[in-house]
């Protein structure tokens, strides 16, 4: 017996046509077919067959059907869902798994990544507030007019919920607890901006002091410069940018005497040096310092100790 069931699992909006695979199991004299590939893997679509597998001990075969790596799935990270309210406007499902998890200390990085992805899908207008919710009801043109649910509002509400859910997946636990009372993507976006993008005078002073007292110490040049750049970028996002000259002073102030040649060379310039150019000079000098350390000869005392004859051995041999 060959059982085929195509079931309506695939909305029209799934333009990535998912492959439909039919498997035939030869058991005794019966031919049993069963399933199709769904968006998330193999799923059974003919319910009457489930008791057969459970009762006849074919659980291993049933498990085999749920191993998606046996079959080529043609799905993408972002997709769309059919919109029953306005069929010409399908809902966009977006995942933000590649976005850096938002912590209290990396709001700028998080915001840049999320804005780029949402803007690319034409969805940034929801969280930034430029596309407010339509009215919940509208009046028909009948005489007399009849008030009905507004399809545009239903479309807006469901799309906003999809965006809101995607944003929640990018938040660390401590940040997620902060937005637990929000209900829309715009509420969440505004609260995060108000919390992390607007700093008090004490916060600005703290960041400026961090730049002023920065020291390379045992850090590599890359780590040291990245830390300074991150602080400067945060200050810029808070409305207090650091000038090129001040940034150069902060960098040079934290270097040790091993970088004296670079320090003197930069201070002797008539024009300010850009951050990237200064980073390049420091990296080159760092490499020369590492190479010089590798060529340092062994201490003379160690060489003498190795070459000096053992007096105790001579007396014993004599």
C-alpha atoms as a PDB file:
ATOM      1  CA  UNK A   1       0.000   0.000   0.000  1.00  0.00           C
ATOM      2  CA  UNK A   2       1.447   3.353  -1.035  1.00  0.00           C
ATOM      3  CA  UNK A   3       0.214   6.227   1.128  1.00  0.00           C
ATOM      4  CA  UNK A   4       0.752   9.774  -0.163  1.00  0.00           C
ATOM      5  CA  UNK A   5      -0.274  12.925   1.711  1.00  0.00           C
ATOM      6  CA  UNK A   6       0.882  16.352   0.507  1.00  0.00           C
ATOM      7  CA  UNK A   7      -0.729  18.312   3.374  1.00  0.00           C
ATOM      8  CA  UNK A   8      -0.746  22.108   3.310  1.00  0.00           C
ATOM      9  CA  UNK A   9       2.490  22.799   5.177  1.00  0.00           C
ATOM     10  CA  UNK A  10       4.045  25.137   2.653  1.00  0.00           C
ATOM     11  CA  UNK A  11       2.611  28.683   2.408  1.00  0.00           C
ATOM     12  CA  UNK A  12       2.842  30.488  -0.899  1.00  0.00           C
ATOM     13  CA  UNK A  13       5.313  32.926   0.623  1.00  0.00           C
ATOM     14  CA  UNK A  14       7.933  30.157   0.918  1.00  0.00           C
ATOM     15  CA  UNK A  15       9.661  30.962  -2.333  1.00  0.00           C
ATOM     16  CA  UNK A  16      12.517  28.668  -1.359  1.00  0.00           C
ATOM     17  CA  UNK A  17      10.662  25.575  -2.570  1.00  0.00           C
ATOM     18  CA  UNK A  18      11.359  22.892  -0.013  1.00  0.00           C
ATOM     19  CA  UNK A  19      12.143  19.473  -1.454  1.00  0.00           C
ATOM     20  CA  UNK A  20       9.441  16.877  -0.877  1.00  0.00           C
ATOM     21  CA  UNK A  21      10.860  13.435  -0.359  1.00  0.00           C
ATOM     22  CA  UNK A  22       8.740  10.297  -0.244  1.00  0.00           C
ATOM     23  CA  UNK A  23      10.247   7.244   1.438  1.00  0.00           C
ATOM     24  CA  UNK A  24       9.036   3.721   0.923  1.00  0.00           C
ATOM     25  CA  UNK A  25       9.638   1.133   3.620  1.00  0.00           C
ATOM     26  CA  UNK A  26       9.374  -2.496   2.610  1.00  0.00           C
ATOM     27  CA  UNK A  27       8.093  -4.345   5.665  1.00  0.00           C
ATOM     28  CA  UNK A  28       6.770  -7.836   5.080  1.00  0.00           C
ATOM     29  CA  UNK A  29       4.681  -7.394   1.937  1.00  0.00           C
ATOM     30  CA  UNK A  30       3.542  -3.832   2.570  1.00  0.00           C
ATOM     31  CA  UNK A  31       4.938  -0.616   1.161  1.00  0.00           C
ATOM     32  CA  UNK A  32       4.592   2.214   3.616  1.00  0.00           C
ATOM     33  CA  UNK A  33       5.395   5.804   2.715  1.00  0.00           C
ATOM     34  CA  UNK A  34       5.134   8.570   5.138  1.00  0.00           C
ATOM     35  CA  UNK A  35       6.518  12.039   5.239  1.00  0.00           C
ATOM     36  CA  UNK A  36       7.734  15.259   3.799  1.00  0.00           C
ATOM     37  CA  UNK A  37      10.467  17.738   4.528  1.00  0.00           C
ATOM     38  CA  UNK A  38       9.303  20.784   6.427  1.00  0.00           C
ATOM     39  CA  UNK A  39      11.144  23.994   7.156  1.00  0.00           C
ATOM     40  CA  UNK A  40      12.818  22.550  10.247  1.00  0.00           C
ATOM     41  CA  UNK A  41      13.459  18.973   9.130  1.00  0.00           C
ATOM     42  CA  UNK A  42      11.570  15.765   8.426  1.00  0.00           C
ATOM     43  CA  UNK A  43       8.083  15.572   9.838  1.00  0.00           C
ATOM     44  CA  UNK A  44       5.413  12.897   9.621  1.00  0.00           C
ATOM     45  CA  UNK A  45       2.264  14.015   7.870  1.00  0.00           C
ATOM     46  CA  UNK A  46       0.181  10.869   7.863  1.00  0.00           C
ATOM     47  CA  UNK A  47      -0.905  10.434  11.479  1.00  0.00           C
ATOM     48  CA  UNK A  48      -2.356   6.881  11.136  1.00  0.00           C
ATOM     49  CA  UNK A  49       1.141   5.591  10.500  1.00  0.00           C
ATOM     50  CA  UNK A  50       2.467   6.738  13.877  1.00  0.00           C
ATOM     51  CA  UNK A  51       0.684   3.998  15.875  1.00  0.00           C
ATOM     52  CA  UNK A  52       2.007   1.451  13.379  1.00  0.00           C
ATOM     53  CA  UNK A  53       5.620   2.386  14.045  1.00  0.00           C
ATOM     54  CA  UNK A  54       5.064   2.581  17.816  1.00  0.00           C
ATOM     55  CA  UNK A  55       3.271  -0.737  18.069  1.00  0.00           C
ATOM     56  CA  UNK A  56       5.494  -2.742  15.738  1.00  0.00           C
ATOM     57  CA  UNK A  57       8.778  -1.700  17.225  1.00  0.00           C
ATOM     58  CA  UNK A  58       9.949   0.499  14.384  1.00  0.00           C
ATOM     59  CA  UNK A  59      11.004   3.366  16.621  1.00  0.00           C
ATOM     60  CA  UNK A  60      14.492   3.266  15.130  1.00  0.00           C
ATOM     61  CA  UNK A  61      13.034   3.891  11.695  1.00  0.00           C
ATOM     62  CA  UNK A  62      10.858   6.649  13.127  1.00  0.00           C
ATOM     63  CA  UNK A  63      13.931   8.300  14.628  1.00  0.00           C
ATOM     64  CA  UNK A  64      15.728   8.018  11.313  1.00  0.00           C
ATOM     65  CA  UNK A  65      13.030  10.093   9.692  1.00  0.00           C
ATOM     66  CA  UNK A  66      13.836  13.021  11.950  1.00  0.00           C
ATOM     67  CA  UNK A  67      17.514  13.250  11.025  1.00  0.00           C
ATOM     68  CA  UNK A  68      17.547  16.282   8.714  1.00  0.00           C
ATOM     69  CA  UNK A  69      21.176  15.872   7.752  1.00  0.00           C
ATOM     70  CA  UNK A  70      20.193  12.959   5.534  1.00  0.00           C
ATOM     71  CA  UNK A  71      18.296  15.309   3.269  1.00  0.00           C
ATOM     72  CA  UNK A  72      19.052  18.628   1.519  1.00  0.00           C
ATOM     73  CA  UNK A  73      17.005  21.326   3.211  1.00  0.00           C
ATOM     74  CA  UNK A  74      16.503  24.408   1.099  1.00  0.00           C
ATOM     75  CA  UNK A  75      15.748  26.943   3.824  1.00  0.00           C
ATOM     76  CA  UNK A  76      17.217  30.312   4.589  1.00  0.00           C
ATOM     77  CA  UNK A  77      17.850  32.144   7.837  1.00  0.00           C
ATOM     78  CA  UNK A  78      15.237  34.807   7.088  1.00  0.00           C
ATOM     79  CA  UNK A  79      11.920  34.045   5.445  1.00  0.00           C
ATOM     80  CA  UNK A  80       8.393  35.345   5.139  1.00  0.00           C
ATOM     81  CA  UNK A  81       4.965  34.326   6.425  1.00  0.00           C
ATOM     82  CA  UNK A  82       1.683  34.662   4.595  1.00  0.00           C
ATOM     83  CA  UNK A  83      -0.354  37.632   5.798  1.00  0.00           C
ATOM     84  CA  UNK A  84      -4.079  36.766   6.032  1.00  0.00           C
ATOM     85  CA  UNK A  85      -5.037  40.399   6.604  1.00  0.00           C
ATOM     86  CA  UNK A  86      -3.211  41.876   3.621  1.00  0.00           C
ATOM     87  CA  UNK A  87      -2.024  39.023   1.364  1.00  0.00           C
ATOM     88  CA  UNK A  88       0.079  41.371  -0.762  1.00  0.00           C
ATOM     89  CA  UNK A  89       2.206  42.245   2.299  1.00  0.00           C
ATOM     90  CA  UNK A  90       3.759  39.057   3.734  1.00  0.00           C
ATOM     91  CA  UNK A  91       5.344  39.228   7.175  1.00  0.00           C
ATOM     92  CA  UNK A  92       9.141  39.265   7.247  1.00  0.00           C
ATOM     93  CA  UNK A  93      10.778  36.881   9.710  1.00  0.00           C
ATOM     94  CA  UNK A  94      14.278  38.017  10.585  1.00  0.00           C
ATOM     95  CA  UNK A  95      16.811  36.347  12.850  1.00  0.00           C
ATOM     96  CA  UNK A  96      19.587  38.333  14.498  1.00  0.00           C
ATOM     97  CA  UNK A  97      21.770  35.418  15.561  1.00  0.00           C
ATOM     98  CA  UNK A  98      24.898  37.056  14.116  1.00  0.00           C
ATOM     99  CA  UNK A  99      24.483  40.197  16.219  1.00  0.00           C
ATOM    100  CA  UNK A 100      26.758  40.749  19.210  1.00  0.00           C
ATOM    101  CA  UNK A 101      24.868  40.075  22.452  1.00  0.00           C
ATOM    102  CA  UNK A 102      23.954  43.381  24.085  1.00  0.00           C
ATOM    103  CA  UNK A 103      25.701  44.091  27.390  1.00  0.00           C
ATOM    104  CA  UNK A 104      25.620  47.309  29.405  1.00  0.00           C
ATOM    105  CA  UNK A 105      29.075  48.104  27.991  1.00  0.00           C
ATOM    106  CA  UNK A 106      28.703  47.525  24.229  1.00  0.00           C
ATOM    107  CA  UNK A 107      25.554  49.389  23.221  1.00  0.00           C
ATOM    108  CA  UNK A 108      27.221  51.229  20.321  1.00  0.00           C
ATOM    109  CA  UNK A 109      28.444  48.026  18.650  1.00  0.00           C
ATOM    110  CA  UNK A 110      25.083  46.332  19.135  1.00  0.00           C
ATOM    111  CA  UNK A 111      23.145  49.307  17.786  1.00  0.00           C
ATOM    112  CA  UNK A 112      25.251  49.565  14.620  1.00  0.00           C
ATOM    113  CA  UNK A 113      24.778  45.881  13.801  1.00  0.00           C
ATOM    114  CA  UNK A 114      21.035  45.803  14.499  1.00  0.00           C
ATOM    115  CA  UNK A 115      20.374  49.029  12.599  1.00  0.00           C
ATOM    116  CA  UNK A 116      22.205  47.730   9.525  1.00  0.00           C
ATOM    117  CA  UNK A 117      20.270  44.453   9.448  1.00  0.00           C
ATOM    118  CA  UNK A 118      16.850  45.980  10.132  1.00  0.00           C
ATOM    119  CA  UNK A 119      17.414  48.774   7.626  1.00  0.00           C
ATOM    120  CA  UNK A 120      18.454  46.237   5.005  1.00  0.00           C
ATOM    121  CA  UNK A 121      15.074  44.520   5.414  1.00  0.00           C
ATOM    122  CA  UNK A 122      13.211  47.854   5.539  1.00  0.00           C
ATOM    123  CA  UNK A 123      12.168  47.143   9.130  1.00  0.00           C
ATOM    124  CA  UNK A 124      14.054  49.842  11.026  1.00  0.00           C
ATOM    125  CA  UNK A 125      10.992  52.089  10.729  1.00  0.00           C
ATOM    126  CA  UNK A 126       9.248  49.984  13.374  1.00  0.00           C
ATOM    127  CA  UNK A 127      11.682  50.333  16.309  1.00  0.00           C
ATOM    128  CA  UNK A 128      12.819  53.882  15.477  1.00  0.00           C
ATOM    129  CA  UNK A 129       9.204  55.116  15.552  1.00  0.00           C
ATOM    130  CA  UNK A 130       9.034  56.502  12.011  1.00  0.00           C
ATOM    131  CA  UNK A 131       6.222  54.071  11.187  1.00  0.00           C
ATOM    132  CA  UNK A 132       3.673  54.327  14.037  1.00  0.00           C
ATOM    133  CA  UNK A 133       0.804  51.891  14.480  1.00  0.00           C
ATOM    134  CA  UNK A 134      -2.269  52.533  12.303  1.00  0.00           C
ATOM    135  CA  UNK A 135      -5.634  52.954  13.970  1.00  0.00           C
ATOM    136  CA  UNK A 136      -7.201  49.762  15.280  1.00  0.00           C
ATOM    137  CA  UNK A 137     -10.467  50.282  13.410  1.00  0.00           C
ATOM    138  CA  UNK A 138     -11.671  51.875  10.184  1.00  0.00           C
ATOM    139  CA  UNK A 139     -15.077  52.835   8.830  1.00  0.00           C
ATOM    140  CA  UNK A 140     -16.430  51.325   5.655  1.00  0.00           C
ATOM    141  CA  UNK A 141     -17.909  53.340   2.810  1.00  0.00           C
ATOM    142  CA  UNK A 142     -21.303  51.767   3.369  1.00  0.00           C
ATOM    143  CA  UNK A 143     -24.310  53.891   4.130  1.00  0.00           C
ATOM    144  CA  UNK A 144     -24.463  54.033   7.043  1.00  0.00           C
ATOM    145  CA  UNK A 145     -20.722  53.431   7.682  1.00  0.00           C
ATOM    146  CA  UNK A 146     -19.704  50.311   9.605  1.00  0.00           C
ATOM    147  CA  UNK A 147     -16.717  50.192  11.935  1.00  0.00           C
ATOM    148  CA  UNK A 148     -14.486  47.182  11.313  1.00  0.00           C
ATOM    149  CA  UNK A 149     -11.062  45.983  12.393  1.00  0.00           C
ATOM    150  CA  UNK A 150      -8.275  47.692  10.466  1.00  0.00           C
ATOM    151  CA  UNK A 151      -6.251  45.135   8.449  1.00  0.00           C
ATOM    152  CA  UNK A 152      -3.314  47.554   8.338  1.00  0.00           C
ATOM    153  CA  UNK A 153      -3.187  47.588  12.139  1.00  0.00           C
ATOM    154  CA  UNK A 154      -3.210  43.801  12.303  1.00  0.00           C
ATOM    155  CA  UNK A 155      -0.364  43.707   9.798  1.00  0.00           C
ATOM    156  CA  UNK A 156       1.604  46.293  11.748  1.00  0.00           C
ATOM    157  CA  UNK A 157       1.023  44.550  15.084  1.00  0.00           C
ATOM    158  CA  UNK A 158       2.146  41.118  13.930  1.00  0.00           C
ATOM    159  CA  UNK A 159       5.199  42.416  12.062  1.00  0.00           C
ATOM    160  CA  UNK A 160       6.186  44.470  15.082  1.00  0.00           C
ATOM    161  CA  UNK A 161       5.897  41.404  17.314  1.00  0.00           C
ATOM    162  CA  UNK A 162       8.246  39.499  15.014  1.00  0.00           C
ATOM    163  CA  UNK A 163      10.787  42.323  15.230  1.00  0.00           C
ATOM    164  CA  UNK A 164      10.328  42.621  18.990  1.00  0.00           C
ATOM    165  CA  UNK A 165      11.006  38.910  19.429  1.00  0.00           C
ATOM    166  CA  UNK A 166      14.103  39.069  17.241  1.00  0.00           C
ATOM    167  CA  UNK A 167      15.483  41.970  19.289  1.00  0.00           C
ATOM    168  CA  UNK A 168      14.911  40.101  22.545  1.00  0.00           C
ATOM    169  CA  UNK A 169      17.152  37.271  21.349  1.00  0.00           C
ATOM    170  CA  UNK A 170      20.100  39.696  21.139  1.00  0.00           C
ATOM    171  CA  UNK A 171      19.900  40.852  24.769  1.00  0.00           C
ATOM    172  CA  UNK A 172      21.983  39.514  27.628  1.00  0.00           C
ATOM    173  CA  UNK A 173      20.021  38.409  30.735  1.00  0.00           C
ATOM    174  CA  UNK A 174      20.810  41.581  32.681  1.00  0.00           C
ATOM    175  CA  UNK A 175      19.618  43.786  29.808  1.00  0.00           C
ATOM    176  CA  UNK A 176      16.570  41.623  29.075  1.00  0.00           C
ATOM    177  CA  UNK A 177      15.280  42.143  32.606  1.00  0.00           C
ATOM    178  CA  UNK A 178      15.393  45.889  32.008  1.00  0.00           C
ATOM    179  CA  UNK A 179      12.955  45.717  29.085  1.00  0.00           C
ATOM    180  CA  UNK A 180      10.528  43.196  30.578  1.00  0.00           C
ATOM    181  CA  UNK A 181       7.730  45.784  30.736  1.00  0.00           C
ATOM    182  CA  UNK A 182       7.965  46.880  27.104  1.00  0.00           C
ATOM    183  CA  UNK A 183       5.402  45.657  24.578  1.00  0.00           C
ATOM    184  CA  UNK A 184       6.538  46.992  21.192  1.00  0.00           C
ATOM    185  CA  UNK A 185       9.846  47.187  19.364  1.00  0.00           C
ATOM    186  CA  UNK A 186       9.727  50.976  19.625  1.00  0.00           C
ATOM    187  CA  UNK A 187       9.269  50.820  23.408  1.00  0.00           C
ATOM    188  CA  UNK A 188      12.234  48.459  23.696  1.00  0.00           C
ATOM    189  CA  UNK A 189      14.408  50.527  21.356  1.00  0.00           C
ATOM    190  CA  UNK A 190      13.638  53.793  23.139  1.00  0.00           C
ATOM    191  CA  UNK A 191      14.280  52.359  26.599  1.00  0.00           C
ATOM    192  CA  UNK A 192      17.673  50.962  25.581  1.00  0.00           C
ATOM    193  CA  UNK A 193      18.625  54.247  23.948  1.00  0.00           C
ATOM    194  CA  UNK A 194      17.581  56.244  26.987  1.00  0.00           C
ATOM    195  CA  UNK A 195      19.490  53.900  29.306  1.00  0.00           C
ATOM    196  CA  UNK A 196      22.761  53.435  27.427  1.00  0.00           C
ATOM    197  CA  UNK A 197      23.048  56.239  24.874  1.00  0.00           C
ATOM    198  CA  UNK A 198      22.457  59.169  27.188  1.00  0.00           C
ATOM    199  CA  UNK A 199      25.026  59.494  29.907  1.00  0.00           C
ATOM    200  CA  UNK A 200      25.180  61.690  32.959  1.00  0.00           C
ATOM    201  CA  UNK A 201      28.015  64.134  33.518  1.00  0.00           C
ATOM    202  CA  UNK A 202      29.602  61.715  35.981  1.00  0.00           C
ATOM    203  CA  UNK A 203      29.591  58.958  33.356  1.00  0.00           C
ATOM    204  CA  UNK A 204      31.243  61.224  30.789  1.00  0.00           C
ATOM    205  CA  UNK A 205      33.835  62.261  33.342  1.00  0.00           C
ATOM    206  CA  UNK A 206      34.543  58.623  34.128  1.00  0.00           C
ATOM    207  CA  UNK A 207      35.102  57.767  30.469  1.00  0.00           C
ATOM    208  CA  UNK A 208      37.393  60.753  29.948  1.00  0.00           C
ATOM    209  CA  UNK A 209      39.388  59.774  33.020  1.00  0.00           C
ATOM    210  CA  UNK A 210      39.720  56.260  31.605  1.00  0.00           C
ATOM    211  CA  UNK A 211      41.362  57.710  28.502  1.00  0.00           C
ATOM    212  CA  UNK A 212      43.618  60.013  30.499  1.00  0.00           C
ATOM    213  CA  UNK A 213      44.944  57.253  32.772  1.00  0.00           C
ATOM    214  CA  UNK A 214      45.191  54.484  30.163  1.00  0.00           C
ATOM    215  CA  UNK A 215      48.477  52.568  30.149  1.00  0.00           C
ATOM    216  CA  UNK A 216      49.775  49.926  27.782  1.00  0.00           C
ATOM    217  CA  UNK A 217      51.510  47.930  30.491  1.00  0.00           C
ATOM    218  CA  UNK A 218      51.899  44.314  29.400  1.00  0.00           C
ATOM    219  CA  UNK A 219      49.155  44.533  26.766  1.00  0.00           C
ATOM    220  CA  UNK A 220      49.881  44.192  23.096  1.00  0.00           C
ATOM    221  CA  UNK A 221      49.641  47.333  20.966  1.00  0.00           C
ATOM    222  CA  UNK A 222      46.524  45.944  19.289  1.00  0.00           C
ATOM    223  CA  UNK A 223      44.736  45.371  22.597  1.00  0.00           C
ATOM    224  CA  UNK A 224      45.859  48.706  24.015  1.00  0.00           C
ATOM    225  CA  UNK A 225      44.780  50.730  20.988  1.00  0.00           C
ATOM    226  CA  UNK A 226      41.482  48.863  20.669  1.00  0.00           C
ATOM    227  CA  UNK A 227      40.622  49.686  24.268  1.00  0.00           C
ATOM    228  CA  UNK A 228      41.319  53.391  23.733  1.00  0.00           C
ATOM    229  CA  UNK A 229      39.370  53.446  20.472  1.00  0.00           C
ATOM    230  CA  UNK A 230      36.394  51.748  22.095  1.00  0.00           C
ATOM    231  CA  UNK A 231      36.272  54.348  24.853  1.00  0.00           C
ATOM    232  CA  UNK A 232      36.617  57.202  22.367  1.00  0.00           C
ATOM    233  CA  UNK A 233      33.813  55.769  20.218  1.00  0.00           C
ATOM    234  CA  UNK A 234      31.575  55.502  23.257  1.00  0.00           C
ATOM    235  CA  UNK A 235      32.245  59.128  24.129  1.00  0.00           C
ATOM    236  CA  UNK A 236      31.418  60.128  20.554  1.00  0.00           C
ATOM    237  CA  UNK A 237      28.122  58.234  20.701  1.00  0.00           C
ATOM    238  CA  UNK A 238      27.294  60.132  23.883  1.00  0.00           C
ATOM    239  CA  UNK A 239      27.865  63.485  22.229  1.00  0.00           C
ATOM    240  CA  UNK A 240      31.394  64.126  23.475  1.00  0.00           C
ATOM    241  CA  UNK A 241      33.830  63.229  20.654  1.00  0.00           C
ATOM    242  CA  UNK A 242      37.589  63.148  21.237  1.00  0.00           C
ATOM    243  CA  UNK A 243      39.719  65.266  18.896  1.00  0.00           C
ATOM    244  CA  UNK A 244      42.564  63.758  16.878  1.00  0.00           C
ATOM    245  CA  UNK A 245      45.177  65.681  18.893  1.00  0.00           C
ATOM    246  CA  UNK A 246      43.736  64.631  22.246  1.00  0.00           C
ATOM    247  CA  UNK A 247      43.492  61.004  21.145  1.00  0.00           C
ATOM    248  CA  UNK A 248      47.153  61.062  20.115  1.00  0.00           C
ATOM    249  CA  UNK A 249      48.127  62.490  23.501  1.00  0.00           C
ATOM    250  CA  UNK A 250      46.201  59.749  25.302  1.00  0.00           C
ATOM    251  CA  UNK A 251      47.912  57.043  23.251  1.00  0.00           C
ATOM    252  CA  UNK A 252      51.436  58.373  23.720  1.00  0.00           C
ATOM    253  CA  UNK A 253      50.946  59.027  27.415  1.00  0.00           C
ATOM    254  CA  UNK A 254      50.333  55.351  28.117  1.00  0.00           C
ATOM    255  CA  UNK A 255      53.430  54.048  26.310  1.00  0.00           C
ATOM    256  CA  UNK A 256      56.663  53.051  28.065  1.00  0.00           C
ATOM    257  CA  UNK A 257      60.212  54.092  27.151  1.00  0.00           C
ATOM    258  CA  UNK A 258      60.515  51.197  24.731  1.00  0.00           C
ATOM    259  CA  UNK A 259      58.431  53.302  22.337  1.00  0.00           C
ATOM    260  CA  UNK A 260      60.437  56.488  22.876  1.00  0.00           C
ATOM    261  CA  UNK A 261      61.462  56.658  19.209  1.00  0.00           C
ATOM    262  CA  UNK A 262      57.817  56.676  18.073  1.00  0.00           C
ATOM    263  CA  UNK A 263      56.820  59.146  20.791  1.00  0.00           C
ATOM    264  CA  UNK A 264      59.558  61.595  19.830  1.00  0.00           C
ATOM    265  CA  UNK A 265      58.815  61.203  16.132  1.00  0.00           C
ATOM    266  CA  UNK A 266      55.104  61.938  16.571  1.00  0.00           C
ATOM    267  CA  UNK A 267      55.755  64.907  18.855  1.00  0.00           C
ATOM    268  CA  UNK A 268      58.130  66.363  16.273  1.00  0.00           C
ATOM    269  CA  UNK A 269      55.438  66.424  13.572  1.00  0.00           C
ATOM    270  CA  UNK A 270      53.944  69.722  12.456  1.00  0.00           C
ATOM    271  CA  UNK A 271      50.574  68.139  11.731  1.00  0.00           C
ATOM    272  CA  UNK A 272      48.393  65.796  13.734  1.00  0.00           C
ATOM    273  CA  UNK A 273      48.678  62.082  13.035  1.00  0.00           C
ATOM    274  CA  UNK A 274      45.562  60.026  12.387  1.00  0.00           C
ATOM    275  CA  UNK A 275      44.734  57.154  14.712  1.00  0.00           C
ATOM    276  CA  UNK A 276      45.192  54.485  12.022  1.00  0.00           C
ATOM    277  CA  UNK A 277      48.581  55.872  10.997  1.00  0.00           C
ATOM    278  CA  UNK A 278      49.728  55.957  14.605  1.00  0.00           C
ATOM    279  CA  UNK A 279      48.557  52.382  15.093  1.00  0.00           C
ATOM    280  CA  UNK A 280      50.578  51.277  12.068  1.00  0.00           C
ATOM    281  CA  UNK A 281      53.761  52.921  13.387  1.00  0.00           C
ATOM    282  CA  UNK A 282      53.301  51.360  16.813  1.00  0.00           C
ATOM    283  CA  UNK A 283      52.696  47.892  15.385  1.00  0.00           C
ATOM    284  CA  UNK A 284      55.879  48.102  13.287  1.00  0.00           C
ATOM    285  CA  UNK A 285      57.876  49.231  16.322  1.00  0.00           C
ATOM    286  CA  UNK A 286      56.359  46.454  18.426  1.00  0.00           C
ATOM    287  CA  UNK A 287      57.545  43.884  15.892  1.00  0.00           C
ATOM    288  CA  UNK A 288      61.064  45.332  15.973  1.00  0.00           C
ATOM    289  CA  UNK A 289      61.112  45.134  19.782  1.00  0.00           C
ATOM    290  CA  UNK A 290      60.034  41.497  19.704  1.00  0.00           C
ATOM    291  CA  UNK A 291      62.690  40.670  17.113  1.00  0.00           C
ATOM    292  CA  UNK A 292      65.385  42.422  19.165  1.00  0.00           C
ATOM    293  CA  UNK A 293      64.444  40.481  22.287  1.00  0.00           C
ATOM    294  CA  UNK A 294      64.824  37.201  20.425  1.00  0.00           C
ATOM    295  CA  UNK A 295      68.376  38.131  19.389  1.00  0.00           C
ATOM    296  CA  UNK A 296      69.648  39.027  22.874  1.00  0.00           C
ATOM    297  CA  UNK A 297      72.685  36.793  23.649  1.00  0.00           C
ATOM    298  CA  UNK A 298      72.722  34.596  26.717  1.00  0.00           C
ATOM    299  CA  UNK A 299      74.025  36.253  29.929  1.00  0.00           C
ATOM    300  CA  UNK A 300      77.831  36.215  30.225  1.00  0.00           C
ATOM    301  CA  UNK A 301      77.683  34.652  33.666  1.00  0.00           C
ATOM    302  CA  UNK A 302      75.852  31.678  32.263  1.00  0.00           C
ATOM    303  CA  UNK A 303      78.415  31.271  29.486  1.00  0.00           C
ATOM    304  CA  UNK A 304      81.316  31.416  31.978  1.00  0.00           C
ATOM    305  CA  UNK A 305      79.666  28.880  34.203  1.00  0.00           C
ATOM    306  CA  UNK A 306      79.276  26.549  31.272  1.00  0.00           C
ATOM    307  CA  UNK A 307      82.882  26.958  30.101  1.00  0.00           C
ATOM    308  CA  UNK A 308      84.574  26.931  33.574  1.00  0.00           C
ATOM    309  CA  UNK A 309      86.171  23.528  34.361  1.00  0.00           C
ATOM    310  CA  UNK A 310      84.796  21.681  37.347  1.00  0.00           C
ATOM    311  CA  UNK A 311      87.552  21.870  40.017  1.00  0.00           C
ATOM    312  CA  UNK A 312      85.899  19.158  42.066  1.00  0.00           C
ATOM    313  CA  UNK A 313      86.109  16.714  39.156  1.00  0.00           C
ATOM    314  CA  UNK A 314      89.838  17.432  38.679  1.00  0.00           C
ATOM    315  CA  UNK A 315      90.658  16.777  42.304  1.00  0.00           C
ATOM    316  CA  UNK A 316      88.733  13.538  42.244  1.00  0.00           C
ATOM    317  CA  UNK A 317      90.513  12.358  39.110  1.00  0.00           C
ATOM    318  CA  UNK A 318      93.853  13.240  40.611  1.00  0.00           C
END
